[in-house]
Amino acid sequence: MKVRFLVLLAGIGAGAVACADPFKTAATLATIDDTAAVYALTGAPESAPTAINVTFPRAVITTPGEHYDVVFDIRNDSAFAYPPHAIGAILTAGLQLSTLPFGSITEAPTTGYNDTLPVFVQSGSVLLVRSTSAQCSNQSVAARTFIYAKIVIDSIFYDGATSPHVPRTIWYRLRNDPNCGFLSFDDGIPKN
């Protein structure tokens, strides 16, 4: 009788530990780094990438059939990053400009994202992105439906008049956490 009672208590204790956080998930994918360039939306060649998909990091063409989270444009001597809603797209992503250097940002904030207004960027600007991802749509906790990324603008080439063979472009580096709802930008598989 004592053995059964101890086994029952052990089972209840294990069940209580397992049920302590029924919504806790573990990350399975390592953070991803990407470096590329995008063209300015205004005046870009039709097949040129003008936006970034942060869920599966890559430069993409801004078309209705493509998923994108940040669109770039250069007007005169100013560059802007636009969330999809700012250019009339139905896709959902939010942006915020960080005051911290790219390398020192180890975790994405959960608030403060703008999904409707453009953000002025220049060389060295750091953008934080929160993307509503289709791959995360089956998550039962709302905070787990997002993919987070950080982007640093390495350089901006403004003037196609002085070099007509080189279009107006923005070079960037990106790091994302491809795990639904995870905030960490540390190397490897995130813990949070």
N, C-alpha and C. Protein backbone atom coordinates (compact mmCIF):
# COMPACT_ATOMS: atom_id res chain seq x y z
N MET A 1 0.82 -1.19 0.00
CA MET A 1 0.00 0.00 0.00
C MET A 1 0.86 1.25 0.00
N LYS A 2 1.97 1.24 0.76
CA LYS A 2 2.83 2.40 0.81
C LYS A 2 3.45 2.67 -0.56
N VAL A 3 3.83 1.63 -1.31
CA VAL A 3 4.44 1.80 -2.62
C VAL A 3 3.46 2.45 -3.57
N ARG A 4 2.20 1.98 -3.58
CA ARG A 4 1.19 2.58 -4.46
C ARG A 4 0.97 4.04 -4.12
N PHE A 5 0.94 4.35 -2.84
CA PHE A 5 0.73 5.73 -2.40
C PHE A 5 1.88 6.62 -2.86
N LEU A 6 3.12 6.12 -2.74
CA LEU A 6 4.28 6.88 -3.18
C LEU A 6 4.28 7.07 -4.69
N VAL A 7 3.91 6.03 -5.45
CA VAL A 7 3.83 6.13 -6.91
C VAL A 7 2.75 7.15 -7.29
N LEU A 8 1.61 7.12 -6.59
CA LEU A 8 0.52 8.07 -6.85
C LEU A 8 0.99 9.50 -6.58
N LEU A 9 1.68 9.72 -5.45
CA LEU A 9 2.19 11.05 -5.13
C LEU A 9 3.21 11.51 -6.17
N ALA A 10 4.08 10.62 -6.60
CA ALA A 10 5.08 10.96 -7.61
C ALA A 10 4.40 11.34 -8.92
N GLY A 11 3.37 10.63 -9.30
CA GLY A 11 2.62 10.93 -10.52
C GLY A 11 1.92 12.27 -10.43
N ILE A 12 1.33 12.57 -9.29
CA ILE A 12 0.67 13.86 -9.09
C ILE A 12 1.69 14.98 -9.14
N GLY A 13 2.84 14.78 -8.51
CA GLY A 13 3.90 15.80 -8.51
C GLY A 13 4.41 16.06 -9.93
N ALA A 14 4.63 15.02 -10.70
CA ALA A 14 5.10 15.18 -12.08
C ALA A 14 4.05 15.87 -12.93
N GLY A 15 2.79 15.53 -12.70
CA GLY A 15 1.70 16.18 -13.44
C GLY A 15 1.62 17.66 -13.11
N ALA A 16 1.81 18.01 -11.85
CA ALA A 16 1.76 19.42 -11.44
C ALA A 16 2.89 20.21 -12.08
N VAL A 17 4.07 19.61 -12.16
CA VAL A 17 5.20 20.29 -12.79
C VAL A 17 4.92 20.46 -14.29
N ALA A 18 4.41 19.44 -14.94
CA ALA A 18 4.12 19.50 -16.37
C ALA A 18 3.03 20.51 -16.67
N CYS A 19 2.09 20.68 -15.75
CA CYS A 19 0.99 21.61 -15.96
C CYS A 19 1.29 23.02 -15.46
N ALA A 20 2.47 23.24 -14.92
CA ALA A 20 2.80 24.55 -14.38
C ALA A 20 2.68 25.64 -15.44
N ASP A 21 3.08 25.37 -16.66
CA ASP A 21 2.94 26.33 -17.76
C ASP A 21 2.54 25.56 -19.02
N PRO A 22 1.24 25.32 -19.18
CA PRO A 22 0.80 24.51 -20.31
C PRO A 22 1.03 25.19 -21.66
N PHE A 23 1.31 26.50 -21.68
CA PHE A 23 1.51 27.21 -22.94
C PHE A 23 2.99 27.36 -23.30
N LYS A 24 3.88 26.85 -22.47
CA LYS A 24 5.32 26.98 -22.71
C LYS A 24 5.70 26.11 -23.91
N THR A 25 6.48 26.71 -24.79
CA THR A 25 6.98 25.98 -25.95
C THR A 25 8.49 26.12 -25.99
N ALA A 26 9.11 25.23 -26.70
CA ALA A 26 10.56 25.26 -26.83
C ALA A 26 10.92 25.64 -28.26
N ALA A 27 11.92 26.47 -28.40
CA ALA A 27 12.41 26.85 -29.72
C ALA A 27 13.10 25.66 -30.36
N THR A 28 13.00 25.56 -31.67
CA THR A 28 13.64 24.46 -32.40
C THR A 28 14.59 24.96 -33.48
N LEU A 29 14.53 26.26 -33.80
CA LEU A 29 15.34 26.81 -34.88
C LEU A 29 16.32 27.85 -34.35
N ALA A 30 17.51 27.87 -34.90
CA ALA A 30 18.53 28.86 -34.51
C ALA A 30 18.24 30.20 -35.18
N THR A 31 18.72 31.28 -34.57
CA THR A 31 18.58 32.59 -35.17
C THR A 31 19.25 32.60 -36.55
N ILE A 32 18.74 33.46 -37.42
CA ILE A 32 19.21 33.51 -38.81
C ILE A 32 19.77 34.88 -39.11
N ASP A 33 20.92 34.92 -39.78
CA ASP A 33 21.53 36.17 -40.24
C ASP A 33 21.43 36.25 -41.75
N ASP A 34 21.22 37.46 -42.27
CA ASP A 34 21.15 37.67 -43.70
C ASP A 34 21.72 39.04 -44.03
N THR A 35 22.37 39.16 -45.14
CA THR A 35 22.88 40.44 -45.65
C THR A 35 22.48 40.54 -47.11
N ALA A 36 21.90 41.67 -47.49
CA ALA A 36 21.47 41.84 -48.88
C ALA A 36 21.25 43.31 -49.16
N ALA A 37 20.73 43.58 -50.34
CA ALA A 37 20.39 44.95 -50.73
C ALA A 37 18.99 44.94 -51.32
N VAL A 38 18.30 46.05 -51.14
CA VAL A 38 17.00 46.26 -51.78
C VAL A 38 17.04 47.57 -52.54
N TYR A 39 16.22 47.65 -53.56
CA TYR A 39 16.10 48.87 -54.34
C TYR A 39 15.06 49.78 -53.72
N ALA A 40 15.11 51.04 -54.10
CA ALA A 40 14.07 51.98 -53.70
C ALA A 40 12.78 51.61 -54.43
N LEU A 41 11.66 51.63 -53.75
CA LEU A 41 10.37 51.28 -54.35
C LEU A 41 10.06 52.17 -55.55
N THR A 42 10.29 53.46 -55.40
CA THR A 42 10.03 54.41 -56.48
C THR A 42 11.12 54.29 -57.53
N GLY A 43 10.72 53.92 -58.74
CA GLY A 43 11.66 53.84 -59.84
C GLY A 43 12.46 52.55 -59.93
N ALA A 44 12.14 51.58 -59.12
CA ALA A 44 12.89 50.31 -59.18
C ALA A 44 12.50 49.53 -60.42
N PRO A 45 13.42 48.74 -60.97
CA PRO A 45 13.05 47.84 -62.07
C PRO A 45 11.94 46.89 -61.59
N GLU A 46 11.07 46.50 -62.50
CA GLU A 46 9.89 45.70 -62.14
C GLU A 46 10.23 44.42 -61.38
N SER A 47 11.34 43.80 -61.71
CA SER A 47 11.70 42.54 -61.08
C SER A 47 12.68 42.70 -59.92
N ALA A 48 12.88 43.93 -59.45
CA ALA A 48 13.87 44.20 -58.41
C ALA A 48 13.26 44.06 -57.01
N PRO A 49 13.98 43.47 -56.08
CA PRO A 49 13.49 43.41 -54.70
C PRO A 49 13.49 44.80 -54.06
N THR A 50 12.38 45.15 -53.43
CA THR A 50 12.24 46.45 -52.77
C THR A 50 11.78 46.31 -51.33
N ALA A 51 11.71 45.07 -50.85
CA ALA A 51 11.20 44.82 -49.51
C ALA A 51 11.92 43.63 -48.90
N ILE A 52 11.66 43.42 -47.60
CA ILE A 52 12.25 42.30 -46.88
C ILE A 52 11.14 41.45 -46.26
N ASN A 53 11.27 40.16 -46.43
CA ASN A 53 10.45 39.20 -45.70
C ASN A 53 11.31 38.77 -44.52
N VAL A 54 10.89 39.10 -43.28
CA VAL A 54 11.72 38.74 -42.12
C VAL A 54 11.42 37.34 -41.60
N THR A 55 10.27 36.77 -41.98
CA THR A 55 9.93 35.43 -41.51
C THR A 55 10.90 34.41 -42.08
N PHE A 56 11.11 34.47 -43.39
CA PHE A 56 12.10 33.65 -44.07
C PHE A 56 13.07 34.65 -44.70
N PRO A 57 14.06 35.12 -43.96
CA PRO A 57 14.83 36.30 -44.34
C PRO A 57 15.32 36.29 -45.78
N ARG A 58 14.80 37.27 -46.52
CA ARG A 58 15.24 37.46 -47.90
C ARG A 58 14.65 38.75 -48.44
N ALA A 59 15.33 39.32 -49.44
CA ALA A 59 14.82 40.48 -50.15
C ALA A 59 13.79 39.97 -51.16
N VAL A 60 12.65 40.68 -51.26
CA VAL A 60 11.57 40.23 -52.13
C VAL A 60 11.01 41.39 -52.95
N ILE A 61 10.28 41.06 -53.99
CA ILE A 61 9.60 42.05 -54.82
C ILE A 61 8.30 42.44 -54.12
N THR A 62 7.98 43.71 -54.14
CA THR A 62 6.76 44.19 -53.49
C THR A 62 5.59 43.99 -54.45
N THR A 63 4.99 42.80 -54.39
CA THR A 63 3.83 42.48 -55.22
C THR A 63 2.74 41.91 -54.32
N PRO A 64 1.48 41.95 -54.78
CA PRO A 64 0.39 41.43 -53.95
C PRO A 64 0.54 39.96 -53.56
N GLY A 65 1.20 39.16 -54.37
CA GLY A 65 1.34 37.74 -54.07
C GLY A 65 2.51 37.39 -53.17
N GLU A 66 3.31 38.37 -52.81
CA GLU A 66 4.52 38.13 -52.01
C GLU A 66 4.30 38.57 -50.57
N HIS A 67 4.89 37.83 -49.62
CA HIS A 67 4.85 38.26 -48.22
C HIS A 67 6.06 39.14 -47.96
N TYR A 68 5.82 40.33 -47.41
CA TYR A 68 6.91 41.23 -47.04
C TYR A 68 6.53 41.98 -45.77
N ASP A 69 7.54 42.40 -45.04
CA ASP A 69 7.34 43.06 -43.74
C ASP A 69 7.87 44.48 -43.70
N VAL A 70 8.86 44.79 -44.51
CA VAL A 70 9.45 46.12 -44.56
C VAL A 70 9.68 46.47 -46.03
N VAL A 71 9.16 47.63 -46.44
CA VAL A 71 9.36 48.14 -47.79
C VAL A 71 10.24 49.38 -47.69
N PHE A 72 11.19 49.52 -48.62
CA PHE A 72 12.10 50.66 -48.58
C PHE A 72 11.87 51.57 -49.78
N ASP A 73 12.05 52.86 -49.54
CA ASP A 73 11.98 53.82 -50.62
C ASP A 73 12.98 54.93 -50.35
N ILE A 74 13.44 55.53 -51.43
CA ILE A 74 14.38 56.65 -51.35
C ILE A 74 13.76 57.77 -52.17
N ARG A 75 13.59 58.90 -51.55
CA ARG A 75 13.06 60.09 -52.25
C ARG A 75 14.06 61.21 -52.04
N ASN A 76 14.59 61.72 -53.15
CA ASN A 76 15.62 62.75 -53.10
C ASN A 76 16.78 62.26 -52.25
N ASP A 77 17.02 62.89 -51.11
CA ASP A 77 18.14 62.46 -50.27
C ASP A 77 17.66 61.88 -48.94
N SER A 78 16.45 61.33 -48.93
CA SER A 78 15.89 60.72 -47.71
C SER A 78 15.45 59.29 -48.00
N ALA A 79 15.68 58.41 -47.04
CA ALA A 79 15.28 57.01 -47.17
C ALA A 79 14.26 56.67 -46.08
N PHE A 80 13.32 55.81 -46.43
CA PHE A 80 12.25 55.45 -45.51
C PHE A 80 12.01 53.95 -45.52
N ALA A 81 11.61 53.44 -44.36
CA ALA A 81 11.15 52.06 -44.22
C ALA A 81 9.66 52.14 -43.95
N TYR A 82 8.88 51.35 -44.67
CA TYR A 82 7.43 51.37 -44.54
C TYR A 82 6.93 50.01 -44.06
N PRO A 83 6.02 50.00 -43.07
CA PRO A 83 5.31 48.75 -42.80
C PRO A 83 4.32 48.53 -43.94
N PRO A 84 3.90 47.31 -44.20
CA PRO A 84 3.01 47.04 -45.34
C PRO A 84 1.74 47.90 -45.36
N HIS A 85 1.12 48.14 -44.21
CA HIS A 85 -0.11 48.95 -44.19
C HIS A 85 0.12 50.36 -44.72
N ALA A 86 1.33 50.90 -44.56
CA ALA A 86 1.64 52.26 -44.98
C ALA A 86 1.60 52.42 -46.50
N ILE A 87 1.74 51.32 -47.23
CA ILE A 87 1.67 51.40 -48.69
C ILE A 87 0.38 50.74 -49.21
N GLY A 88 -0.56 50.49 -48.32
CA GLY A 88 -1.86 49.96 -48.72
C GLY A 88 -1.97 48.45 -48.79
N ALA A 89 -0.97 47.73 -48.33
CA ALA A 89 -1.03 46.26 -48.34
C ALA A 89 -1.82 45.77 -47.13
N ILE A 90 -2.39 44.57 -47.24
CA ILE A 90 -3.15 44.01 -46.12
C ILE A 90 -2.27 43.21 -45.17
N LEU A 91 -1.00 43.04 -45.51
CA LEU A 91 -0.07 42.32 -44.63
C LEU A 91 0.13 43.10 -43.34
N THR A 92 0.45 42.38 -42.27
CA THR A 92 0.61 43.03 -40.98
C THR A 92 2.02 42.85 -40.44
N ALA A 93 2.67 43.97 -40.23
CA ALA A 93 3.98 44.00 -39.58
C ALA A 93 4.12 45.37 -38.94
N GLY A 94 4.91 45.44 -37.89
CA GLY A 94 5.15 46.71 -37.21
C GLY A 94 6.64 46.98 -37.14
N LEU A 95 6.99 48.26 -37.17
CA LEU A 95 8.39 48.69 -37.13
C LEU A 95 8.60 49.64 -35.97
N GLN A 96 9.82 49.67 -35.48
CA GLN A 96 10.24 50.74 -34.57
C GLN A 96 11.73 50.97 -34.74
N LEU A 97 12.10 52.23 -34.62
CA LEU A 97 13.50 52.62 -34.73
C LEU A 97 14.13 52.47 -33.35
N SER A 98 15.28 51.83 -33.29
CA SER A 98 15.97 51.64 -32.02
C SER A 98 17.06 52.68 -31.85
N THR A 99 17.30 53.07 -30.62
CA THR A 99 18.40 53.97 -30.31
C THR A 99 19.66 53.19 -29.92
N LEU A 100 19.53 51.88 -29.80
CA LEU A 100 20.66 51.03 -29.42
C LEU A 100 21.40 50.53 -30.65
N PRO A 101 22.70 50.27 -30.55
CA PRO A 101 23.44 49.69 -31.66
C PRO A 101 22.93 48.27 -31.96
N PHE A 102 23.02 47.88 -33.21
CA PHE A 102 22.55 46.57 -33.68
C PHE A 102 23.08 45.42 -32.82
N GLY A 103 24.39 45.40 -32.57
CA GLY A 103 25.02 44.30 -31.84
C GLY A 103 24.62 44.20 -30.38
N SER A 104 24.15 45.30 -29.80
CA SER A 104 23.80 45.26 -28.38
C SER A 104 22.35 44.86 -28.12
N ILE A 105 21.56 44.73 -29.16
CA ILE A 105 20.15 44.33 -28.99
C ILE A 105 20.09 42.81 -28.95
N THR A 106 19.84 42.27 -27.77
CA THR A 106 19.81 40.81 -27.60
C THR A 106 18.40 40.26 -27.53
N GLU A 107 17.41 41.15 -27.40
CA GLU A 107 16.02 40.70 -27.29
C GLU A 107 15.09 41.75 -27.89
N ALA A 108 14.07 41.30 -28.59
CA ALA A 108 13.09 42.20 -29.19
C ALA A 108 12.12 42.71 -28.13
N PRO A 109 11.75 43.98 -28.21
CA PRO A 109 10.71 44.47 -27.31
C PRO A 109 9.35 43.92 -27.76
N THR A 110 8.40 43.85 -26.87
CA THR A 110 7.08 43.33 -27.21
C THR A 110 6.08 44.43 -27.53
N THR A 111 6.43 45.69 -27.27
CA THR A 111 5.53 46.81 -27.54
C THR A 111 6.27 47.91 -28.28
N GLY A 112 5.50 48.90 -28.76
CA GLY A 112 6.09 50.07 -29.40
C GLY A 112 6.20 49.99 -30.91
N TYR A 113 5.59 49.00 -31.53
CA TYR A 113 5.69 48.83 -32.98
C TYR A 113 4.62 49.66 -33.69
N ASN A 114 5.01 50.29 -34.79
CA ASN A 114 4.12 51.11 -35.59
C ASN A 114 3.79 50.33 -36.87
N ASP A 115 2.51 50.14 -37.16
CA ASP A 115 2.16 49.38 -38.36
C ASP A 115 1.53 50.23 -39.46
N THR A 116 1.57 51.57 -39.33
CA THR A 116 0.91 52.41 -40.33
C THR A 116 1.75 53.55 -40.88
N LEU A 117 2.81 53.96 -40.22
CA LEU A 117 3.57 55.13 -40.64
C LEU A 117 4.99 54.77 -41.07
N PRO A 118 5.52 55.49 -42.07
CA PRO A 118 6.91 55.25 -42.47
C PRO A 118 7.89 55.70 -41.40
N VAL A 119 9.08 55.12 -41.44
CA VAL A 119 10.15 55.46 -40.51
C VAL A 119 11.33 55.97 -41.33
N PHE A 120 11.83 57.15 -40.99
CA PHE A 120 13.01 57.71 -41.66
C PHE A 120 14.23 56.89 -41.23
N VAL A 121 15.03 56.45 -42.22
CA VAL A 121 16.24 55.69 -41.91
C VAL A 121 17.43 56.32 -42.61
N GLN A 122 18.59 56.10 -42.05
CA GLN A 122 19.84 56.53 -42.64
C GLN A 122 20.88 55.45 -42.36
N SER A 123 22.05 55.62 -42.91
CA SER A 123 23.10 54.65 -42.68
C SER A 123 23.35 54.53 -41.18
N GLY A 124 23.33 53.30 -40.66
CA GLY A 124 23.50 53.06 -39.23
C GLY A 124 22.20 52.90 -38.46
N SER A 125 21.07 53.25 -39.07
CA SER A 125 19.78 53.09 -38.38
C SER A 125 19.50 51.62 -38.09
N VAL A 126 18.88 51.37 -36.94
CA VAL A 126 18.51 50.02 -36.55
C VAL A 126 16.99 49.96 -36.43
N LEU A 127 16.38 49.05 -37.18
CA LEU A 127 14.94 48.82 -37.14
C LEU A 127 14.64 47.53 -36.41
N LEU A 128 13.60 47.54 -35.62
CA LEU A 128 13.08 46.32 -35.01
C LEU A 128 11.76 46.02 -35.71
N VAL A 129 11.53 44.76 -36.03
CA VAL A 129 10.35 44.37 -36.80
C VAL A 129 9.60 43.26 -36.06
N ARG A 130 8.28 43.43 -36.01
CA ARG A 130 7.40 42.37 -35.49
C ARG A 130 6.44 42.00 -36.60
N SER A 131 6.56 40.78 -37.09
CA SER A 131 5.78 40.32 -38.22
C SER A 131 4.71 39.32 -37.77
N THR A 132 3.50 39.51 -38.27
CA THR A 132 2.46 38.50 -38.06
C THR A 132 2.68 37.44 -39.13
N SER A 133 3.03 36.27 -38.71
CA SER A 133 3.45 35.23 -39.64
C SER A 133 2.39 34.15 -39.80
N ALA A 134 2.16 33.75 -41.05
CA ALA A 134 1.21 32.66 -41.33
C ALA A 134 1.67 31.36 -40.68
N GLN A 135 2.99 31.16 -40.59
CA GLN A 135 3.50 29.93 -39.98
C GLN A 135 3.18 29.87 -38.49
N CYS A 136 2.84 31.00 -37.88
CA CYS A 136 2.54 31.05 -36.45
C CYS A 136 1.05 31.21 -36.17
N SER A 137 0.22 31.15 -37.19
CA SER A 137 -1.21 31.41 -37.02
C SER A 137 -1.93 30.35 -36.19
N ASN A 138 -1.33 29.19 -36.03
CA ASN A 138 -1.97 28.13 -35.25
C ASN A 138 -1.62 28.18 -33.76
N GLN A 139 -0.86 29.20 -33.34
CA GLN A 139 -0.47 29.33 -31.93
C GLN A 139 -1.68 29.70 -31.08
N SER A 140 -1.82 29.10 -29.91
CA SER A 140 -2.97 29.35 -29.04
C SER A 140 -2.79 30.60 -28.17
N VAL A 141 -1.59 31.12 -28.07
CA VAL A 141 -1.32 32.32 -27.28
C VAL A 141 -1.00 33.45 -28.26
N ALA A 142 -1.70 34.57 -28.14
CA ALA A 142 -1.55 35.67 -29.10
C ALA A 142 -0.11 36.14 -29.24
N ALA A 143 0.64 36.20 -28.14
CA ALA A 143 2.03 36.67 -28.19
C ALA A 143 2.93 35.74 -29.00
N ARG A 144 2.50 34.52 -29.25
CA ARG A 144 3.30 33.55 -30.00
C ARG A 144 3.02 33.60 -31.50
N THR A 145 2.20 34.56 -31.97
CA THR A 145 1.88 34.63 -33.39
C THR A 145 2.85 35.51 -34.17
N PHE A 146 3.89 36.02 -33.52
CA PHE A 146 4.81 36.95 -34.16
C PHE A 146 6.20 36.35 -34.37
N ILE A 147 6.86 36.84 -35.41
CA ILE A 147 8.28 36.60 -35.66
C ILE A 147 8.97 37.95 -35.49
N TYR A 148 10.09 38.00 -34.79
CA TYR A 148 10.81 39.24 -34.52
C TYR A 148 12.14 39.27 -35.27
N ALA A 149 12.53 40.48 -35.68
CA ALA A 149 13.80 40.65 -36.37
C ALA A 149 14.40 42.01 -36.02
N LYS A 150 15.70 42.12 -36.22
CA LYS A 150 16.38 43.41 -36.12
C LYS A 150 17.16 43.60 -37.42
N ILE A 151 17.18 44.85 -37.91
CA ILE A 151 17.81 45.18 -39.18
C ILE A 151 18.68 46.42 -38.98
N VAL A 152 19.88 46.40 -39.50
CA VAL A 152 20.72 47.60 -39.49
C VAL A 152 20.96 48.01 -40.94
N ILE A 153 20.82 49.30 -41.19
CA ILE A 153 21.08 49.84 -42.52
C ILE A 153 22.58 50.10 -42.62
N ASP A 154 23.26 49.34 -43.45
CA ASP A 154 24.70 49.50 -43.60
C ASP A 154 25.06 50.68 -44.49
N SER A 155 24.34 50.84 -45.59
CA SER A 155 24.62 51.97 -46.47
C SER A 155 23.43 52.24 -47.36
N ILE A 156 23.36 53.48 -47.83
CA ILE A 156 22.29 53.90 -48.74
C ILE A 156 22.94 54.61 -49.91
N PHE A 157 22.63 54.17 -51.12
CA PHE A 157 23.11 54.83 -52.31
C PHE A 157 21.95 55.63 -52.89
N TYR A 158 22.05 56.95 -52.83
CA TYR A 158 20.94 57.83 -53.18
C TYR A 158 20.89 58.25 -54.64
N ASP A 159 22.01 58.50 -55.26
CA ASP A 159 22.03 59.28 -56.48
C ASP A 159 22.30 58.45 -57.72
N GLY A 160 21.25 58.13 -58.43
CA GLY A 160 21.39 57.40 -59.69
C GLY A 160 21.87 58.30 -60.81
N ALA A 161 21.80 59.63 -60.62
CA ALA A 161 22.21 60.56 -61.68
C ALA A 161 23.73 60.55 -61.86
N THR A 162 24.47 60.44 -60.77
CA THR A 162 25.93 60.43 -60.88
C THR A 162 26.46 59.08 -61.33
N SER A 163 25.70 58.03 -61.04
CA SER A 163 26.07 56.68 -61.49
C SER A 163 24.81 55.99 -62.02
N PRO A 164 24.43 56.29 -63.25
CA PRO A 164 23.16 55.78 -63.76
C PRO A 164 23.09 54.25 -63.85
N HIS A 165 24.22 53.58 -63.90
CA HIS A 165 24.22 52.12 -63.97
C HIS A 165 24.00 51.48 -62.58
N VAL A 166 24.05 52.30 -61.53
CA VAL A 166 23.84 51.79 -60.17
C VAL A 166 22.53 52.38 -59.64
N PRO A 167 21.50 51.57 -59.48
CA PRO A 167 20.23 52.10 -58.98
C PRO A 167 20.30 52.49 -57.50
N ARG A 168 19.33 53.28 -57.07
CA ARG A 168 19.26 53.67 -55.66
C ARG A 168 18.99 52.42 -54.83
N THR A 169 19.89 52.14 -53.89
CA THR A 169 19.81 50.90 -53.12
C THR A 169 20.09 51.13 -51.64
N ILE A 170 19.59 50.20 -50.85
CA ILE A 170 19.84 50.17 -49.41
C ILE A 170 20.43 48.80 -49.08
N TRP A 171 21.64 48.82 -48.50
CA TRP A 171 22.28 47.59 -48.05
C TRP A 171 21.97 47.41 -46.57
N TYR A 172 21.64 46.19 -46.18
CA TYR A 172 21.26 45.93 -44.79
C TYR A 172 21.80 44.59 -44.31
N ARG A 173 21.82 44.46 -42.99
CA ARG A 173 22.06 43.18 -42.31
C ARG A 173 20.86 42.91 -41.43
N LEU A 174 20.49 41.67 -41.31
CA LEU A 174 19.29 41.28 -40.56
C LEU A 174 19.59 40.08 -39.69
N ARG A 175 18.96 40.04 -38.54
CA ARG A 175 18.96 38.82 -37.71
C ARG A 175 17.54 38.62 -37.25
N ASN A 176 17.02 37.41 -37.42
CA ASN A 176 15.68 37.12 -36.93
C ASN A 176 15.69 35.90 -36.02
N ASP A 177 14.63 35.81 -35.25
CA ASP A 177 14.37 34.63 -34.45
C ASP A 177 13.19 33.95 -35.13
N PRO A 178 13.41 32.85 -35.86
CA PRO A 178 12.35 32.23 -36.65
C PRO A 178 11.33 31.42 -35.85
N ASN A 179 11.49 31.39 -34.54
CA ASN A 179 10.57 30.65 -33.67
C ASN A 179 9.40 31.54 -33.28
N CYS A 180 8.20 31.03 -33.42
CA CYS A 180 6.98 31.80 -33.15
C CYS A 180 6.99 32.37 -31.73
N GLY A 181 6.96 33.70 -31.63
CA GLY A 181 6.86 34.38 -30.35
C GLY A 181 8.13 34.50 -29.55
N PHE A 182 9.24 33.97 -30.02
CA PHE A 182 10.49 34.07 -29.28
C PHE A 182 11.14 35.42 -29.56
N LEU A 183 11.76 36.00 -28.55
CA LEU A 183 12.28 37.36 -28.61
C LEU A 183 13.79 37.46 -28.74
N SER A 184 14.50 36.38 -28.51
CA SER A 184 15.96 36.41 -28.40
C SER A 184 16.65 36.58 -29.75
N PHE A 185 17.70 37.39 -29.76
CA PHE A 185 18.58 37.52 -30.92
C PHE A 185 19.95 36.93 -30.65
N ASP A 186 20.08 36.17 -29.56
CA ASP A 186 21.35 35.52 -29.26
C ASP A 186 21.66 34.45 -30.30
N ASP A 187 22.92 34.07 -30.42
CA ASP A 187 23.32 33.00 -31.34
C ASP A 187 22.66 31.69 -30.94
N GLY A 188 22.41 30.85 -31.94
CA GLY A 188 21.91 29.52 -31.68
C GLY A 188 20.41 29.47 -31.48
N ILE A 189 19.96 28.40 -30.83
CA ILE A 189 18.53 28.19 -30.56
C ILE A 189 18.14 28.97 -29.32
N PRO A 190 17.19 29.90 -29.44
CA PRO A 190 16.82 30.77 -28.32
C PRO A 190 16.18 30.02 -27.15
N LYS A 191 16.32 30.61 -26.00
CA LYS A 191 15.70 30.07 -24.78
C LYS A 191 14.39 30.79 -24.44
N ASN A 192 14.21 32.04 -24.96
CA ASN A 192 12.98 32.79 -24.65
C ASN A 192 12.42 33.47 -25.87
